[in-house]
Amino acid sequence: MTSKNKLNCLSSKDISLREKILGWYDKNGRHSLPWKNQSIYLIWISEIMLQQTQVKTVIPYFKKFKKKFPTLKKLIRADLDSILNSWSGLGYYRRAKNIYEACKIIDKEYKGIFPKSYEEILKLPGIGRTTAGAISTFSGLGSYSILDANVRRFLIRVYDLDIKESSIESILWKKSEELLCKKRSSDFIQAYMDIGSLICRTSDPKCSLCPANENCLGKKNIDNKLIIKPTKIKKSKLNLWTLVISDKQGKYYLEKISINKLWDGLYSSPIFLCQEDLETWARAHNLINQLDKRVRKFNHKLSHYDICFSVMSCNLDANKNISLLDDNWYNLSEINKGVPKFQFKAVESIS
């Protein structure tokens, strides 16, 4: 039987499954997430942050962002550097840039008011079908289902679907929409996500705790990892050099960086592809005689890169005819620019 034939209609078992999912959520779901029952603006921010990032990681960043930009009006007035600063450490900085671009659209086309329809939300930068559905449903604009990685995994297992089937995405969307409880759509899609992330996990699923245990057609294969195999990302190795420059006041010289299209728009100590480039730059800026040539190393991982940083440093006792811009000196605890995590690792490596 093909996957399509399995999903021709909503059976009594599916109706029962829907009720079990909601029953589980009522008792075990995450009801106190900081973006629950918030404005559509803050729901939007949370859903963008949750793209490719776990809830526990997002929570402190969301609270920080909300404190700095409590209203859409204030966010629209912010520049990109300020938004990136609030995003520093969360990674996938394209999301923050999409928020910035979306703000310009909202300001120009919607007079500063967040759009009120699924179709309009879907047109904003960085928003796909699942994110638009979550924003719309959680904010009460309608009943839309979702298909994030958690829901996808849950449905594939419950219905024992063939992930190699060419139409698997449309099949999964159809089933996700069919199961949706329209009367409690917000609770239902939250239950979807909670079960997928807390119970029906990629590895070590808690089948005995799952509300779909009796309905699950694929549980016989779970122990053998036959249903979901995480895609292994082939990471590129990258060697980078950075020069940490500080002064007696504890400030650091930072500049806007872009290496291999990484960290575009963020600020860090100067970065180079090799030691020779670093020393050439130091010589051109009259720093070579104050350069501490000891090299420290640390590793830094990104989604597609394993990076080995080599760090050299320069602590300036006084301004001795150096050629560095006065406006590029920052206290790292007070900076209002986006700063990548590796910058703090670099500073720590020389302390």
Protein backbone atom coordinates (compact mmCIF):
# COMPACT_ATOMS: atom_id res chain seq x y z
CA MET A 1 0.00 0.00 0.00
CA THR A 2 1.41 3.40 -0.94
CA SER A 3 1.59 6.32 1.48
CA LYS A 4 -1.15 8.08 -0.50
CA ASN A 5 -3.57 5.18 0.01
CA LYS A 6 -2.85 5.16 3.74
CA LEU A 7 -4.06 8.74 4.06
CA ASN A 8 -7.24 8.81 1.99
CA CYS A 9 -9.46 9.92 4.86
CA LEU A 10 -9.50 10.70 8.55
CA SER A 11 -10.37 7.47 10.29
CA SER A 12 -11.84 6.90 13.71
CA LYS A 13 -8.29 6.02 14.84
CA ASP A 14 -7.09 9.42 13.63
CA ILE A 15 -9.90 11.16 15.49
CA SER A 16 -8.89 9.20 18.59
CA LEU A 17 -5.25 10.16 18.00
CA ARG A 18 -6.19 13.82 17.82
CA GLU A 19 -7.96 13.55 21.18
CA LYS A 20 -4.98 11.73 22.72
CA ILE A 21 -2.58 14.41 21.48
CA LEU A 22 -4.64 17.17 23.09
CA GLY A 23 -5.11 15.14 26.27
CA TRP A 24 -1.36 14.68 26.54
CA TYR A 25 -0.79 18.39 25.97
CA ASP A 26 -3.26 19.40 28.66
CA LYS A 27 -1.29 17.38 31.22
CA ASN A 28 2.28 17.53 29.93
CA GLY A 29 2.63 20.31 27.37
CA ARG A 30 4.75 23.43 27.67
CA HIS A 31 2.17 26.00 28.76
CA SER A 32 4.46 28.64 30.26
CA LEU A 33 6.77 29.52 27.36
CA PRO A 34 7.54 33.26 27.51
CA TRP A 35 6.05 33.95 24.08
CA LYS A 36 2.69 32.32 24.87
CA ASN A 37 -0.27 34.73 24.81
CA GLN A 38 1.89 37.59 23.58
CA SER A 39 1.32 40.11 20.79
CA ILE A 40 1.61 38.93 17.20
CA TYR A 41 4.84 40.91 17.00
CA LEU A 42 6.50 38.92 19.80
CA ILE A 43 5.08 35.65 18.47
CA TRP A 44 6.77 36.48 15.15
CA ILE A 45 10.11 37.11 16.89
CA SER A 46 9.87 33.84 18.82
CA GLU A 47 9.04 31.81 15.71
CA ILE A 48 11.99 33.26 13.81
CA MET A 49 14.30 32.50 16.74
CA LEU A 50 12.97 28.94 16.95
CA GLN A 51 13.95 28.19 13.38
CA GLN A 52 16.75 25.59 13.64
CA THR A 53 17.18 26.34 17.36
CA GLN A 54 15.92 24.51 20.45
CA VAL A 55 13.43 26.08 22.85
CA LYS A 56 15.79 26.01 25.84
CA THR A 57 18.39 27.95 23.83
CA VAL A 58 15.91 30.51 22.55
CA ILE A 59 14.27 31.46 25.87
CA PRO A 60 17.03 33.74 27.28
CA TYR A 61 17.58 35.40 23.89
CA PHE A 62 13.87 36.01 23.47
CA LYS A 63 13.65 37.64 26.91
CA LYS A 64 16.67 39.81 26.11
CA PHE A 65 15.19 40.82 22.75
CA LYS A 66 11.80 41.60 24.26
CA LYS A 67 13.39 43.81 26.90
CA LYS A 68 15.33 45.78 24.32
CA PHE A 69 12.55 45.93 21.71
CA PRO A 70 9.25 45.60 23.62
CA THR A 71 7.18 46.91 20.69
CA LEU A 72 7.24 46.62 16.93
CA LYS A 73 7.42 50.40 16.72
CA LYS A 74 10.71 50.41 18.63
CA LEU A 75 12.12 47.58 16.53
CA ILE A 76 11.25 49.38 13.29
CA ARG A 77 13.30 52.35 14.48
CA ALA A 78 16.33 50.18 15.25
CA ASP A 79 19.31 49.84 12.95
CA LEU A 80 20.72 46.50 11.86
CA ASP A 81 23.69 46.70 14.23
CA SER A 82 21.39 47.01 17.23
CA ILE A 83 19.30 44.03 16.13
CA LEU A 84 22.41 41.93 15.49
CA ASN A 85 23.68 42.85 18.94
CA SER A 86 20.57 41.34 20.53
CA TRP A 87 21.07 38.27 18.35
CA SER A 88 24.75 37.83 19.24
CA GLY A 89 25.47 34.23 20.22
CA LEU A 90 22.21 32.78 18.87
CA GLY A 91 23.71 32.07 15.46
CA TYR A 92 22.13 31.87 11.99
CA TYR A 93 22.37 35.65 11.73
CA ARG A 94 20.46 35.68 8.45
CA ARG A 95 17.35 35.41 10.65
CA ALA A 96 18.13 38.73 12.33
CA LYS A 97 18.72 40.34 8.93
CA ASN A 98 15.38 38.97 7.74
CA ILE A 99 13.71 40.60 10.74
CA TYR A 100 15.37 43.90 9.84
CA GLU A 101 14.23 43.62 6.21
CA ALA A 102 10.72 42.63 7.30
CA CYS A 103 10.54 45.72 9.52
CA LYS A 104 11.22 47.95 6.52
CA ILE A 105 8.40 46.23 4.60
CA ILE A 106 5.99 46.48 7.55
CA ASP A 107 6.81 50.15 7.98
CA LYS A 108 6.39 50.98 4.30
CA GLU A 109 3.56 48.70 3.19
CA TYR A 110 1.58 48.20 6.41
CA LYS A 111 2.12 51.57 8.10
CA GLY A 112 4.04 50.01 10.97
CA ILE A 113 1.37 47.44 11.84
CA PHE A 114 2.16 43.74 11.62
CA PRO A 115 0.14 42.15 8.79
CA LYS A 116 -3.06 40.42 9.83
CA SER A 117 -3.41 37.61 7.30
CA TYR A 118 -1.58 34.35 6.68
CA GLU A 119 -0.98 35.26 3.04
CA GLU A 120 0.60 38.60 3.91
CA ILE A 121 2.74 37.10 6.69
CA LEU A 122 3.98 34.42 4.29
CA LYS A 123 5.41 37.13 2.02
CA LEU A 124 7.72 38.55 4.70
CA PRO A 125 11.45 37.68 4.50
CA GLY A 126 12.49 34.49 6.26
CA ILE A 127 8.96 33.14 6.62
CA GLY A 128 7.83 29.87 5.09
CA ARG A 129 4.63 27.91 5.34
CA THR A 130 5.27 26.50 8.82
CA THR A 131 6.38 29.80 10.36
CA ALA A 132 3.45 31.67 8.80
CA GLY A 133 1.09 28.99 10.08
CA ALA A 134 2.47 29.13 13.60
CA ILE A 135 2.35 32.95 13.78
CA SER A 136 -1.18 33.07 12.40
CA THR A 137 -2.52 30.29 14.62
CA PHE A 138 -0.83 31.35 17.87
CA SER A 139 -2.03 34.94 17.37
CA GLY A 140 -5.63 33.89 16.65
CA LEU A 141 -5.75 34.88 12.98
CA GLY A 142 -6.91 31.44 11.87
CA SER A 143 -6.31 27.71 12.13
CA TYR A 144 -3.22 26.64 10.22
CA SER A 145 -1.17 23.54 10.68
CA ILE A 146 2.60 23.24 10.59
CA LEU A 147 5.27 20.82 9.41
CA ASP A 148 8.53 21.50 11.21
CA ALA A 149 11.15 18.81 11.78
CA ASN A 150 9.43 17.60 14.97
CA VAL A 151 6.01 17.21 13.39
CA ARG A 152 7.50 15.66 10.27
CA ARG A 153 9.31 13.01 12.32
CA PHE A 154 6.21 12.28 14.43
CA LEU A 155 3.92 11.79 11.42
CA ILE A 156 6.41 9.64 9.52
CA ARG A 157 6.68 7.33 12.50
CA VAL A 158 3.00 7.20 13.42
CA TYR A 159 1.93 6.38 9.86
CA ASP A 160 5.06 4.41 8.92
CA LEU A 161 5.55 6.52 5.80
CA ASP A 162 8.20 5.98 3.17
CA ILE A 163 10.45 9.03 3.33
CA LYS A 164 11.84 8.17 -0.12
CA GLU A 165 8.47 8.61 -1.80
CA SER A 166 8.62 11.57 -4.17
CA SER A 167 5.40 13.14 -2.86
CA ILE A 168 6.23 12.71 0.82
CA GLU A 169 6.10 16.44 1.60
CA SER A 170 2.62 16.92 0.17
CA ILE A 171 1.46 13.73 1.93
CA LEU A 172 2.81 14.99 5.26
CA TRP A 173 1.22 18.42 4.84
CA LYS A 174 -2.11 16.80 4.00
CA LYS A 175 -2.02 14.60 7.10
CA SER A 176 -0.83 17.44 9.33
CA GLU A 177 -3.75 19.58 8.18
CA GLU A 178 -6.27 16.73 8.49
CA LEU A 179 -5.29 15.99 12.09
CA LEU A 180 -5.45 19.64 13.13
CA CYS A 181 -8.17 20.31 15.67
CA LYS A 182 -9.72 23.55 14.41
CA LYS A 183 -11.43 24.29 17.73
CA ARG A 184 -8.07 24.16 19.58
CA SER A 185 -5.63 24.79 16.76
CA SER A 186 -3.14 26.79 18.87
CA ASP A 187 -2.95 24.07 21.53
CA PHE A 188 -2.78 21.36 18.89
CA ILE A 189 0.22 22.70 16.95
CA GLN A 190 2.02 23.37 20.24
CA ALA A 191 1.26 19.77 21.20
CA TYR A 192 2.66 18.63 17.86
CA MET A 193 5.94 20.43 18.55
CA ASP A 194 6.14 19.38 22.19
CA ILE A 195 5.61 15.69 21.46
CA GLY A 196 8.15 15.79 18.64
CA SER A 197 10.84 17.51 20.69
CA LEU A 198 10.22 15.91 24.11
CA ILE A 199 8.90 12.43 23.29
CA CYS A 200 9.27 11.43 19.64
CA ARG A 201 12.92 12.45 19.49
CA THR A 202 15.35 11.67 16.71
CA SER A 203 17.28 9.30 18.96
CA ASP A 204 16.08 7.56 22.12
CA PRO A 205 12.35 8.26 21.60
CA LYS A 206 10.20 7.81 24.71
CA CYS A 207 7.60 5.57 23.07
CA SER A 208 6.08 4.40 26.34
CA LEU A 209 5.19 8.01 27.19
CA CYS A 210 3.84 8.91 23.76
CA PRO A 211 0.08 9.51 23.39
CA ALA A 212 0.32 7.92 19.93
CA ASN A 213 1.88 4.71 21.25
CA GLU A 214 -1.13 2.52 20.50
CA ASN A 215 -1.62 4.14 17.09
CA CYS A 216 2.00 4.18 15.96
CA LEU A 217 2.58 1.96 12.93
CA GLY A 218 6.30 2.61 12.83
CA LYS A 219 7.33 1.93 16.41
CA LYS A 220 8.49 -1.59 15.51
CA ASN A 221 11.26 -0.01 13.43
CA ILE A 222 12.33 2.72 15.85
CA ASP A 223 14.78 0.57 17.82
CA ASN A 224 16.64 -0.19 14.59
CA LYS A 225 16.66 3.50 13.61
CA LEU A 226 14.99 2.56 10.33
CA ILE A 227 12.57 5.46 10.14
CA ILE A 228 14.50 8.63 10.78
CA LYS A 229 18.21 8.91 10.24
CA PRO A 230 19.66 12.37 10.88
CA THR A 231 21.28 13.79 7.79
CA LYS A 232 24.99 14.15 8.38
CA ILE A 233 26.24 17.53 7.27
CA LYS A 234 29.64 17.38 5.65
CA LYS A 235 31.55 20.16 7.37
CA SER A 236 34.35 22.14 5.77
CA LYS A 237 37.50 22.73 7.77
CA LEU A 238 38.70 26.31 7.96
CA ASN A 239 41.83 27.81 9.52
CA LEU A 240 41.61 31.46 10.50
CA TRP A 241 43.85 33.94 12.29
CA THR A 242 42.69 36.82 14.44
CA LEU A 243 44.52 39.70 16.09
CA VAL A 244 43.08 40.79 19.43
CA ILE A 245 44.01 44.43 20.01
CA SER A 246 43.29 46.01 23.38
CA ASP A 247 44.17 49.23 25.23
CA LYS A 248 44.83 50.09 28.86
CA GLN A 249 41.14 51.01 29.38
CA GLY A 250 40.06 47.46 28.57
CA LYS A 251 38.61 48.35 25.20
CA TYR A 252 39.08 46.28 22.05
CA TYR A 253 39.58 47.28 18.46
CA LEU A 254 36.79 45.69 16.40
CA GLU A 255 35.79 46.02 12.78
CA LYS A 256 32.95 44.82 10.58
CA ILE A 257 33.88 41.43 9.20
CA SER A 258 33.02 38.98 6.42
CA ILE A 259 35.04 35.84 5.78
CA ASN A 260 33.65 33.29 3.31
CA LYS A 261 30.30 35.07 3.78
CA LEU A 262 30.38 34.14 7.48
CA TRP A 263 29.35 36.64 10.16
CA ASP A 264 28.41 39.32 7.59
CA GLY A 265 27.75 42.59 9.39
CA LEU A 266 29.09 41.47 12.76
CA TYR A 267 32.05 43.06 14.58
CA SER A 268 35.17 41.28 15.79
CA SER A 269 38.92 41.62 16.03
CA PRO A 270 40.50 41.66 12.56
CA ILE A 271 40.44 38.24 10.88
CA PHE A 272 42.91 36.81 8.38
CA LEU A 273 43.37 33.66 6.35
CA CYS A 274 47.02 33.21 7.36
CA GLN A 275 49.70 34.52 9.73
CA GLU A 276 51.48 36.35 6.93
CA ASP A 277 48.36 38.41 6.19
CA LEU A 278 47.98 39.21 9.89
CA GLU A 279 51.55 40.45 10.22
CA THR A 280 51.34 42.44 6.99
CA TRP A 281 48.22 44.17 8.31
CA ALA A 282 49.88 44.81 11.68
CA ARG A 283 52.89 46.34 9.93
CA ALA A 284 50.69 48.60 7.80
CA HIS A 285 48.96 49.89 10.96
CA ASN A 286 52.21 50.46 12.88
CA LEU A 287 51.49 47.63 15.32
CA ILE A 288 54.21 45.17 14.40
CA ASN A 289 56.62 46.24 17.15
CA GLN A 290 53.98 45.83 19.85
CA LEU A 291 52.76 42.47 18.58
CA ASP A 292 52.89 39.56 21.01
CA LYS A 293 53.84 36.78 18.63
CA ARG A 294 52.76 33.96 20.91
CA VAL A 295 50.02 31.99 19.19
CA ARG A 296 47.02 30.60 21.06
CA LYS A 297 44.52 28.28 19.42
CA PHE A 298 40.91 27.31 19.93
CA ASN A 299 38.25 25.48 17.93
CA HIS A 300 34.91 26.92 16.95
CA LYS A 301 32.03 24.99 15.36
CA LEU A 302 29.37 26.30 13.02
CA SER A 303 26.64 24.33 11.25
CA HIS A 304 28.77 23.79 8.13
CA TYR A 305 32.28 24.61 9.36
CA ASP A 306 34.82 23.33 11.85
CA ILE A 307 37.10 26.29 12.41
CA CYS A 308 40.52 26.40 14.03
CA PHE A 309 41.37 29.90 15.20
CA SER A 310 44.96 30.99 15.79
CA VAL A 311 45.13 34.07 18.00
CA MET A 312 47.81 36.72 18.34
CA SER A 313 47.47 39.79 20.50
CA CYS A 314 48.58 43.37 20.88
CA ASN A 315 48.10 45.34 24.07
CA LEU A 316 48.72 49.04 23.52
CA ASP A 317 50.33 50.88 26.42
CA ALA A 318 49.90 54.19 24.65
CA ASN A 319 48.89 55.60 21.29
CA LYS A 320 52.24 55.44 19.52
CA ASN A 321 51.33 56.63 16.06
CA ILE A 322 49.15 53.62 15.36
CA SER A 323 46.85 53.72 12.35
CA LEU A 324 43.56 52.55 13.80
CA LEU A 325 40.22 54.35 13.66
CA ASP A 326 39.24 56.02 16.93
CA ASP A 327 35.58 55.02 16.47
CA ASN A 328 36.35 51.29 16.41
CA TRP A 329 37.23 50.83 20.09
CA TYR A 330 34.59 49.06 22.18
CA ASN A 331 33.93 47.79 25.66
CA LEU A 332 32.61 44.29 25.01
CA SER A 333 30.11 44.50 27.86
CA GLU A 334 28.58 47.72 26.51
CA ILE A 335 28.84 47.38 22.72
CA ASN A 336 25.67 47.91 20.68
CA LYS A 337 26.87 45.91 17.69
CA GLY A 338 26.52 42.27 16.76
CA VAL A 339 29.49 40.29 18.10
CA PRO A 340 30.05 36.60 17.24
CA LYS A 341 30.79 34.04 19.96
CA PHE A 342 34.32 33.42 18.75
CA GLN A 343 35.30 36.98 19.72
CA PHE A 344 34.81 36.18 23.40
CA LYS A 345 36.71 32.91 22.97
CA ALA A 346 39.59 34.83 21.38
CA VAL A 347 39.74 37.30 24.26
CA GLU A 348 39.57 34.48 26.79
CA SER A 349 42.40 32.62 25.03
CA ILE A 350 44.89 35.43 25.68
CA SER A 351 43.86 36.23 29.24
